[in-house]
PDB file of N, CA and C in Angstrom:
ATOM      1  N   MET A   1     187.566-122.724-108.171  1.00  0.00           N
ATOM      2  CA  MET A   1     186.245-122.201-108.506  1.00  0.00           C
ATOM      3  C   MET A   1     186.434-121.217-109.675  1.00  0.00           C
ATOM      4  N   ARG A   2     185.388-121.030-110.370  1.00  0.00           N
ATOM      5  CA  ARG A   2     185.389-120.068-111.409  1.00  0.00           C
ATOM      6  C   ARG A   2     184.382-119.046-111.122  1.00  0.00           C
ATOM      7  N   PHE A   3     184.753-117.728-111.330  1.00  0.00           N
ATOM      8  CA  PHE A   3     183.905-116.565-111.003  1.00  0.00           C
ATOM      9  C   PHE A   3     183.667-115.744-112.257  1.00  0.00           C
ATOM     10  N   GLN A   4     182.527-115.051-112.239  1.00  0.00           N
ATOM     11  CA  GLN A   4     182.129-114.163-113.348  1.00  0.00           C
ATOM     12  C   GLN A   4     182.045-112.734-112.843  1.00  0.00           C
ATOM     13  N   VAL A   5     182.591-111.865-113.626  1.00  0.00           N
ATOM     14  CA  VAL A   5     182.504-110.438-113.196  1.00  0.00           C
ATOM     15  C   VAL A   5     181.108-109.917-113.614  1.00  0.00           C
ATOM     16  N   GLN A   6     180.485-109.236-112.671  1.00  0.00           N
ATOM     17  CA  GLN A   6     179.161-108.653-112.815  1.00  0.00           C
ATOM     18  C   GLN A   6     179.121-107.282-113.106  1.00  0.00           C
ATOM     19  N   ILE A   7     180.046-106.430-112.587  1.00  0.00           N
ATOM     20  CA  ILE A   7     180.025-105.037-112.742  1.00  0.00           C
ATOM     21  C   ILE A   7     181.393-104.503-112.960  1.00  0.00           C
ATOM     22  N   GLY A   8     181.601-103.601-113.956  1.00  0.00           N
ATOM     23  CA  GLY A   8     182.760-102.987-114.195  1.00  0.00           C
ATOM     24  C   GLY A   8     183.954-103.881-114.550  1.00  0.00           C
ATOM     25  N   THR A   9     185.091-103.452-113.951  1.00  0.00           N
ATOM     26  CA  THR A   9     186.404-104.188-114.178  1.00  0.00           C
ATOM     27  C   THR A   9     186.999-104.569-112.866  1.00  0.00           C
ATOM     28  N   VAL A  10     187.431-105.792-112.689  1.00  0.00           N
ATOM     29  CA  VAL A  10     188.098-106.084-111.410  1.00  0.00           C
ATOM     30  C   VAL A  10     189.515-106.588-111.693  1.00  0.00           C
ATOM     31  N   LYS A  11     190.405-106.381-110.749  1.00  0.00           N
ATOM     32  CA  LYS A  11     191.849-106.831-110.887  1.00  0.00           C
ATOM     33  C   LYS A  11     192.076-107.965-109.922  1.00  0.00           C
ATOM     34  N   HIS A  12     192.534-109.044-110.385  1.00  0.00           N
ATOM     35  CA  HIS A  12     192.817-110.262-109.625  1.00  0.00           C
ATOM     36  C   HIS A  12     194.139-110.774-110.064  1.00  0.00           C
ATOM     37  N   ASN A  13     195.091-110.835-109.098  1.00  0.00           N
ATOM     38  CA  ASN A  13     196.526-111.278-109.485  1.00  0.00           C
ATOM     39  C   ASN A  13     197.185-110.553-110.539  1.00  0.00           C
ATOM     40  N   GLY A  14     196.974-109.262-110.586  1.00  0.00           N
ATOM     41  CA  GLY A  14     197.635-108.495-111.524  1.00  0.00           C
ATOM     42  C   GLY A  14     196.906-108.455-112.974  1.00  0.00           C
ATOM     43  N   VAL A  15     195.858-109.144-113.128  1.00  0.00           N
ATOM     44  CA  VAL A  15     195.146-109.143-114.354  1.00  0.00           C
ATOM     45  C   VAL A  15     193.833-108.466-114.319  1.00  0.00           C
ATOM     46  N   PHE A  16     193.493-107.652-115.165  1.00  0.00           N
ATOM     47  CA  PHE A  16     192.180-107.009-115.268  1.00  0.00           C
ATOM     48  C   PHE A  16     191.128-107.878-115.956  1.00  0.00           C
ATOM     49  N   HIS A  17     189.997-107.993-115.391  1.00  0.00           N
ATOM     50  CA  HIS A  17     188.917-108.795-115.959  1.00  0.00           C
ATOM     51  C   HIS A  17     187.677-107.873-116.175  1.00  0.00           C
ATOM     52  N   GLU A  18     187.125-107.736-117.324  1.00  0.00           N
ATOM     53  CA  GLU A  18     186.066-106.929-117.580  1.00  0.00           C
ATOM     54  C   GLU A  18     184.695-107.574-117.376  1.00  0.00           C
ATOM     55  N   LYS A  19     183.587-106.876-117.294  1.00  0.00           N
ATOM     56  CA  LYS A  19     182.318-107.360-117.044  1.00  0.00           C
ATOM     57  C   LYS A  19     182.022-108.570-117.989  1.00  0.00           C
ATOM     58  N   GLY A  20     181.539-109.671-117.411  1.00  0.00           N
ATOM     59  CA  GLY A  20     181.221-110.833-118.255  1.00  0.00           C
ATOM     60  C   GLY A  20     182.354-111.880-118.340  1.00  0.00           C
ATOM     61  N   ALA A  21     183.564-111.451-117.957  1.00  0.00           N
ATOM     62  CA  ALA A  21     184.718-112.371-117.935  1.00  0.00           C
ATOM     63  C   ALA A  21     184.578-113.390-116.885  1.00  0.00           C
ATOM     64  N   ILE A  22     185.183-114.565-117.139  1.00  0.00           N
ATOM     65  CA  ILE A  22     185.176-115.680-116.216  1.00  0.00           C
ATOM     66  C   ILE A  22     186.662-115.999-115.923  1.00  0.00           C
ATOM     67  N   PHE A  23     186.936-116.160-114.595  1.00  0.00           N
ATOM     68  CA  PHE A  23     188.289-116.424-114.188  1.00  0.00           C
ATOM     69  C   PHE A  23     188.361-117.466-113.082  1.00  0.00           C
ATOM     70  N   ASN A  24     189.500-118.054-112.880  1.00  0.00           N
ATOM     71  CA  ASN A  24     189.718-119.002-111.817  1.00  0.00           C
ATOM     72  C   ASN A  24     190.253-118.237-110.611  1.00  0.00           C
ATOM     73  N   ALA A  25     189.765-118.718-109.476  1.00  0.00           N
ATOM     74  CA  ALA A  25     190.314-118.066-108.244  1.00  0.00           C
ATOM     75  C   ALA A  25     189.804-118.895-107.041  1.00  0.00           C
ATOM     76  N   HIS A  26     190.552-118.738-105.842  1.00  0.00           N
ATOM     77  CA  HIS A  26     189.980-119.284-104.649  1.00  0.00           C
ATOM     78  C   HIS A  26     189.112-118.398-103.982  1.00  0.00           C
ATOM     79  N   LYS A  27     188.019-118.936-103.453  1.00  0.00           N
ATOM     80  CA  LYS A  27     186.895-118.162-102.876  1.00  0.00           C
ATOM     81  C   LYS A  27     187.463-117.114-101.883  1.00  0.00           C
ATOM     82  N   LYS A  28     188.350-117.543-101.010  1.00  0.00           N
ATOM     83  CA  LYS A  28     188.863-116.627-100.038  1.00  0.00           C
ATOM     84  C   LYS A  28     189.619-115.448-100.615  1.00  0.00           C
ATOM     85  N   ASP A  29     190.246-115.632-101.780  1.00  0.00           N
ATOM     86  CA  ASP A  29     190.948-114.566-102.455  1.00  0.00           C
ATOM     87  C   ASP A  29     190.052-113.476-103.099  1.00  0.00           C
ATOM     88  N   VAL A  30     188.754-113.852-103.380  1.00  0.00           N
ATOM     89  CA  VAL A  30     187.835-112.885-104.025  1.00  0.00           C
ATOM     90  C   VAL A  30     186.705-112.563-103.120  1.00  0.00           C
ATOM     91  N   ALA A  31     186.746-112.946-101.840  1.00  0.00           N
ATOM     92  CA  ALA A  31     185.648-112.731-100.933  1.00  0.00           C
ATOM     93  C   ALA A  31     185.148-111.295-100.843  1.00  0.00           C
ATOM     94  N   HIS A  32     186.201-110.341-100.945  1.00  0.00           N
ATOM     95  CA  HIS A  32     185.846-108.958-100.851  1.00  0.00           C
ATOM     96  C   HIS A  32     185.044-108.531-102.107  1.00  0.00           C
ATOM     97  N   LEU A  33     185.357-109.138-103.263  1.00  0.00           N
ATOM     98  CA  LEU A  33     184.685-108.859-104.566  1.00  0.00           C
ATOM     99  C   LEU A  33     183.319-109.442-104.566  1.00  0.00           C
ATOM    100  N   ILE A  34     183.153-110.594-103.911  1.00  0.00           N
ATOM    101  CA  ILE A  34     181.781-111.136-103.774  1.00  0.00           C
ATOM    102  C   ILE A  34     180.954-110.305-102.889  1.00  0.00           C
ATOM    103  N   GLY A  35     181.525-109.849-101.848  1.00  0.00           N
ATOM    104  CA  GLY A  35     180.783-108.991-100.862  1.00  0.00           C
ATOM    105  C   GLY A  35     180.360-107.669-101.546  1.00  0.00           C
ATOM    106  N   GLU A  36     181.134-107.137-102.445  1.00  0.00           N
ATOM    107  CA  GLU A  36     180.751-105.909-103.151  1.00  0.00           C
ATOM    108  C   GLU A  36     179.777-106.176-104.339  1.00  0.00           C
ATOM    109  N   GLY A  37     179.541-107.425-104.728  1.00  0.00           N
ATOM    110  CA  GLY A  37     178.717-107.757-105.742  1.00  0.00           C
ATOM    111  C   GLY A  37     179.419-107.648-107.136  1.00  0.00           C
ATOM    112  N   ALA A  38     180.683-107.539-107.112  1.00  0.00           N
ATOM    113  CA  ALA A  38     181.487-107.340-108.348  1.00  0.00           C
ATOM    114  C   ALA A  38     181.633-108.750-109.054  1.00  0.00           C
ATOM    115  N   VAL A  39     181.670-109.812-108.353  1.00  0.00           N
ATOM    116  CA  VAL A  39     181.792-111.120-108.968  1.00  0.00           C
ATOM    117  C   VAL A  39     180.809-112.038-108.363  1.00  0.00           C
ATOM    118  N   VAL A  40     180.471-113.128-109.068  1.00  0.00           N
ATOM    119  CA  VAL A  40     179.588-114.256-108.525  1.00  0.00           C
ATOM    120  C   VAL A  40     180.228-115.504-108.944  1.00  0.00           C
ATOM    121  N   LEU A  41     179.836-116.529-108.177  1.00  0.00           N
ATOM    122  CA  LEU A  41     180.354-117.926-108.490  1.00  0.00           C
ATOM    123  C   LEU A  41     179.824-118.325-109.817  1.00  0.00           C
ATOM    124  N   PHE A  42     180.603-118.818-110.699  1.00  0.00           N
ATOM    125  CA  PHE A  42     180.125-119.259-112.027  1.00  0.00           C
ATOM    126  C   PHE A  42     180.076-120.825-111.945  1.00  0.00           C
ATOM    127  N   GLU A  43     181.078-121.509-111.457  1.00  0.00           N
ATOM    128  CA  GLU A  43     180.964-122.892-111.305  1.00  0.00           C
ATOM    129  C   GLU A  43     182.147-123.424-110.390  1.00  0.00           C
ATOM    130  N   GLU A  44     181.860-124.583-109.712  1.00  0.00           N
ATOM    131  CA  GLU A  44     182.880-125.148-108.909  1.00  0.00           C
ATOM    132  C   GLU A  44     183.704-126.036-109.898  1.00  0.00           C
ATOM    133  N   THR A  45     184.980-126.146-109.576  1.00  0.00           N
ATOM    134  CA  THR A  45     185.821-127.114-110.379  1.00  0.00           C
ATOM    135  C   THR A  45     186.037-128.309-109.637  1.00  0.00           C
ATOM    136  N   ASP A  46     186.589-129.278-110.331  1.00  0.00           N
ATOM    137  CA  ASP A  46     186.823-130.594-109.623  1.00  0.00           C
ATOM    138  C   ASP A  46     187.778-130.442-108.459  1.00  0.00           C
ATOM    139  N   ALA A  47     188.757-129.616-108.585  1.00  0.00           N
ATOM    140  CA  ALA A  47     189.709-129.347-107.492  1.00  0.00           C
ATOM    141  C   ALA A  47     189.070-128.825-106.263  1.00  0.00           C
ATOM    142  N   ASP A  48     187.952-128.114-106.436  1.00  0.00           N
ATOM    143  CA  ASP A  48     187.291-127.506-105.251  1.00  0.00           C
ATOM    144  C   ASP A  48     186.431-128.447-104.448  1.00  0.00           C
ATOM    145  N   ARG A  49     186.167-129.642-105.076  1.00  0.00           N
ATOM    146  CA  ARG A  49     185.334-130.602-104.480  1.00  0.00           C
ATOM    147  C   ARG A  49     186.081-131.560-103.577  1.00  0.00           C
ATOM    148  N   ASP A  50     187.369-131.477-103.619  1.00  0.00           N
ATOM    149  CA  ASP A  50     188.223-132.389-102.805  1.00  0.00           C
ATOM    150  C   ASP A  50     188.210-132.065-101.417  1.00  0.00           C
TER     151      ASP A  50
END
C-alpha cells in the first residue's frame, strides 16, 4: 500500500517523510500513524490485492 503524509514529518523505517510525501508501507506498520491522522491511504498496490 502507498500512504501520503498529511501533517508534519513522519519517520518510517529510518526515513523521514515530509507533508505531502507518498511512501510504501504495510498497513499494520503505520497503523499508529493512521490513528493519529498523520498519514492516509493513497492507493493499494497490486501486491496488496493478493
